[in-house]
Amino acid sequence: MLSYRSLYRQSENLNQSKAHQTGNTVFIALGTSGQNSKPYGWARSLCSIGCFTIGCLAFSRFHQLLGGGRLRKTLLYSFSLQTGCDVIAAAIVQTGIVDGSYPLK
């Protein structure tokens, strides 16, 4: 069974940023206890942690398939895939499919 701790260790092996996940965990706790002023800020943090967990799992499996995390081809494919995801997300916001404005509340 996969746990957050095992995925956290896998992310350490891949040198992924995990500092923001601590803050998201605090926002989830504040939101569920009713102490956060944003109405659904906790849901945004929960989504972020979920995507982080899925990303850790996906990229660790992807790196294992390609033969290791420090090979040149593995890094090239990994950075290319991440860049592609960033370009797709930016295109979705820039074309107006999704409203990219930040709520002012």
C-alpha atoms as a PDB file:
ATOM      1  CA  MET A   1       0.000   0.000   0.000  1.00  0.00           C
ATOM      2  CA  LEU A   2       1.279   3.439  -0.874  1.00  0.00           C
ATOM      3  CA  SER A   3       1.447   6.035   1.811  1.00  0.00           C
ATOM      4  CA  TYR A   4       2.175   9.738   1.710  1.00  0.00           C
ATOM      5  CA  ARG A   5       5.454   9.056   3.524  1.00  0.00           C
ATOM      6  CA  SER A   6       6.650   6.539   0.901  1.00  0.00           C
ATOM      7  CA  LEU A   7       5.780   8.931  -1.909  1.00  0.00           C
ATOM      8  CA  TYR A   8       7.524  11.697   0.016  1.00  0.00           C
ATOM      9  CA  ARG A   9      10.672   9.566   0.147  1.00  0.00           C
ATOM     10  CA  GLN A  10      10.420   8.876  -3.589  1.00  0.00           C
ATOM     11  CA  SER A  11      10.183  12.606  -4.209  1.00  0.00           C
ATOM     12  CA  GLU A  12      13.349  13.110  -2.161  1.00  0.00           C
ATOM     13  CA  ASN A  13      15.118  10.653  -4.438  1.00  0.00           C
ATOM     14  CA  LEU A  14      13.960  12.630  -7.479  1.00  0.00           C
ATOM     15  CA  ASN A  15      14.886  15.989  -5.906  1.00  0.00           C
ATOM     16  CA  GLN A  16      11.332  17.291  -6.294  1.00  0.00           C
ATOM     17  CA  SER A  17      10.195  20.317  -4.371  1.00  0.00           C
ATOM     18  CA  LYS A  18       8.216  19.345  -1.309  1.00  0.00           C
ATOM     19  CA  ALA A  19       8.442  22.479   0.803  1.00  0.00           C
ATOM     20  CA  HIS A  20       5.056  23.744  -0.412  1.00  0.00           C
ATOM     21  CA  GLN A  21       3.289  20.572   0.679  1.00  0.00           C
ATOM     22  CA  THR A  22       3.828  21.411   4.359  1.00  0.00           C
ATOM     23  CA  GLY A  23       2.017  24.710   3.852  1.00  0.00           C
ATOM     24  CA  ASN A  24      -0.789  22.963   1.990  1.00  0.00           C
ATOM     25  CA  THR A  25      -1.167  20.528   4.883  1.00  0.00           C
ATOM     26  CA  VAL A  26      -1.514  23.461   7.292  1.00  0.00           C
ATOM     27  CA  PHE A  27      -4.131  25.123   5.047  1.00  0.00           C
ATOM     28  CA  ILE A  28      -6.126  21.878   4.912  1.00  0.00           C
ATOM     29  CA  ALA A  29      -6.080  21.696   8.706  1.00  0.00           C
ATOM     30  CA  LEU A  30      -7.129  25.341   9.052  1.00  0.00           C
ATOM     31  CA  GLY A  31      -9.850  24.995   6.436  1.00  0.00           C
ATOM     32  CA  THR A  32     -11.394  21.866   7.885  1.00  0.00           C
ATOM     33  CA  SER A  33     -11.399  23.402  11.364  1.00  0.00           C
ATOM     34  CA  GLY A  34     -13.138  26.537  10.057  1.00  0.00           C
ATOM     35  CA  GLN A  35     -10.272  28.923  10.832  1.00  0.00           C
ATOM     36  CA  ASN A  36      -9.419  29.893   7.252  1.00  0.00           C
ATOM     37  CA  SER A  37     -11.053  32.998   5.754  1.00  0.00           C
ATOM     38  CA  LYS A  38     -11.135  31.575   2.215  1.00  0.00           C
ATOM     39  CA  PRO A  39     -14.244  29.427   1.747  1.00  0.00           C
ATOM     40  CA  TYR A  40     -12.665  26.623  -0.318  1.00  0.00           C
ATOM     41  CA  GLY A  41      -8.961  27.273   0.193  1.00  0.00           C
ATOM     42  CA  TRP A  42      -8.610  23.877   1.856  1.00  0.00           C
ATOM     43  CA  ALA A  43      -9.988  22.154  -1.248  1.00  0.00           C
ATOM     44  CA  ARG A  44      -7.367  23.864  -3.397  1.00  0.00           C
ATOM     45  CA  SER A  45      -4.638  22.662  -1.016  1.00  0.00           C
ATOM     46  CA  LEU A  46      -6.065  19.148  -0.975  1.00  0.00           C
ATOM     47  CA  CYS A  47      -6.048  19.117  -4.780  1.00  0.00           C
ATOM     48  CA  SER A  48      -2.437  20.299  -4.755  1.00  0.00           C
ATOM     49  CA  ILE A  49      -1.358  17.520  -2.397  1.00  0.00           C
ATOM     50  CA  GLY A  50      -3.254  14.961  -4.479  1.00  0.00           C
ATOM     51  CA  CYS A  51      -1.595  16.119  -7.699  1.00  0.00           C
ATOM     52  CA  PHE A  52       1.795  16.122  -5.952  1.00  0.00           C
ATOM     53  CA  THR A  53       1.234  12.522  -4.844  1.00  0.00           C
ATOM     54  CA  ILE A  54       0.139  11.397  -8.298  1.00  0.00           C
ATOM     55  CA  GLY A  55       3.073  13.222  -9.886  1.00  0.00           C
ATOM     56  CA  CYS A  56       5.574  11.602  -7.521  1.00  0.00           C
ATOM     57  CA  LEU A  57       4.191   8.175  -8.275  1.00  0.00           C
ATOM     58  CA  ALA A  58       4.007   8.737 -12.033  1.00  0.00           C
ATOM     59  CA  PHE A  59       7.488  10.195 -12.408  1.00  0.00           C
ATOM     60  CA  SER A  60       9.118   7.577 -10.166  1.00  0.00           C
ATOM     61  CA  ARG A  61       7.585   4.814 -12.307  1.00  0.00           C
ATOM     62  CA  PHE A  62       8.525   6.700 -15.475  1.00  0.00           C
ATOM     63  CA  HIS A  63      12.137   6.989 -14.324  1.00  0.00           C
ATOM     64  CA  GLN A  64      12.267   3.298 -13.444  1.00  0.00           C
ATOM     65  CA  LEU A  65      11.016   2.404 -16.925  1.00  0.00           C
ATOM     66  CA  LEU A  66      13.745   4.470 -18.549  1.00  0.00           C
ATOM     67  CA  GLY A  67      16.531   2.964 -16.473  1.00  0.00           C
ATOM     68  CA  GLY A  68      17.278   5.385 -13.671  1.00  0.00           C
ATOM     69  CA  GLY A  69      16.932   8.976 -12.533  1.00  0.00           C
ATOM     70  CA  ARG A  70      20.352  10.304 -13.516  1.00  0.00           C
ATOM     71  CA  LEU A  71      20.639   9.122 -17.091  1.00  0.00           C
ATOM     72  CA  ARG A  72      20.677  11.812 -19.753  1.00  0.00           C
ATOM     73  CA  LYS A  73      17.729  10.335 -21.675  1.00  0.00           C
ATOM     74  CA  THR A  74      15.673  10.065 -18.481  1.00  0.00           C
ATOM     75  CA  LEU A  75      16.257  13.703 -17.628  1.00  0.00           C
ATOM     76  CA  LEU A  76      15.543  14.777 -21.210  1.00  0.00           C
ATOM     77  CA  TYR A  77      12.236  12.887 -21.344  1.00  0.00           C
ATOM     78  CA  SER A  78      11.245  14.046 -17.860  1.00  0.00           C
ATOM     79  CA  PHE A  79      11.938  17.728 -18.533  1.00  0.00           C
ATOM     80  CA  SER A  80      10.240  17.487 -21.932  1.00  0.00           C
ATOM     81  CA  LEU A  81       7.111  15.960 -20.408  1.00  0.00           C
ATOM     82  CA  GLN A  82       6.993  18.567 -17.631  1.00  0.00           C
ATOM     83  CA  THR A  83       7.523  21.393 -20.133  1.00  0.00           C
ATOM     84  CA  GLY A  84       4.723  19.983 -22.284  1.00  0.00           C
ATOM     85  CA  CYS A  85       2.366  19.952 -19.287  1.00  0.00           C
ATOM     86  CA  ASP A  86       3.287  23.569 -18.476  1.00  0.00           C
ATOM     87  CA  VAL A  87       2.709  24.661 -22.083  1.00  0.00           C
ATOM     88  CA  ILE A  88      -0.696  22.931 -22.167  1.00  0.00           C
ATOM     89  CA  ALA A  89      -1.734  24.568 -18.871  1.00  0.00           C
ATOM     90  CA  ALA A  90      -0.598  28.001 -20.082  1.00  0.00           C
ATOM     91  CA  ALA A  91      -2.426  27.535 -23.400  1.00  0.00           C
ATOM     92  CA  ILE A  92      -5.647  26.607 -21.604  1.00  0.00           C
ATOM     93  CA  VAL A  93      -5.505  29.786 -19.510  1.00  0.00           C
ATOM     94  CA  GLN A  94      -4.332  32.075 -22.345  1.00  0.00           C
ATOM     95  CA  THR A  95      -7.036  30.932 -24.784  1.00  0.00           C
ATOM     96  CA  GLY A  96      -9.725  31.631 -22.200  1.00  0.00           C
ATOM     97  CA  ILE A  97     -10.962  28.052 -21.834  1.00  0.00           C
ATOM     98  CA  VAL A  98     -10.421  28.450 -18.088  1.00  0.00           C
ATOM     99  CA  ASP A  99     -10.625  31.767 -16.279  1.00  0.00           C
ATOM    100  CA  GLY A 100      -7.125  32.441 -15.003  1.00  0.00           C
ATOM    101  CA  SER A 101      -7.952  35.394 -12.784  1.00  0.00           C
ATOM    102  CA  TYR A 102      -7.284  35.018  -9.088  1.00  0.00           C
ATOM    103  CA  PRO A 103     -10.330  35.487  -6.847  1.00  0.00           C
ATOM    104  CA  LEU A 104     -10.180  38.693  -4.817  1.00  0.00           C
ATOM    105  CA  LYS A 105     -12.027  37.400  -1.745  1.00  0.00           C
END
